[in-house]
Amino acid sequence: MSVCFQMHPAAGGAPSAPADAGGGGGGDQLAAALERRRRVIDEIVSTERTHVLSLRAVVACFIAPARARRVLTADELWRLFSTWELLVGFHEAQRRR
């Protein structure tokens, strides 16, 4: 029985041929592929957390004060930041799932 993991080469690569878990060192290849996969997933999750923190910072430090102080009109705020608060809400909803 063979197991094949396909990952982007920039993410640490993966075996180009299926790793055979039945012997001949295939178990080592499978373990290495699983470890690379875990590291890639960890990096994606970490990057996503940083992205959400940045979105929140923009909302808290720029959008909310600009709205409260009426520095920009509602139309200007919409043109500049129409999706930022939606993105934060989307990520928050995904985090709760």
Foldseek 3Di string as FASTA:
>chain_A
DWDFDADDVVLVGADPDTQDCPDPCSVVRVVVRVVSVVVSVVVVVVVVVVVLVVLVCCCVPPVVVCVVVVVDPPVVSCVVPVCSVVVNVVVVVVVVD
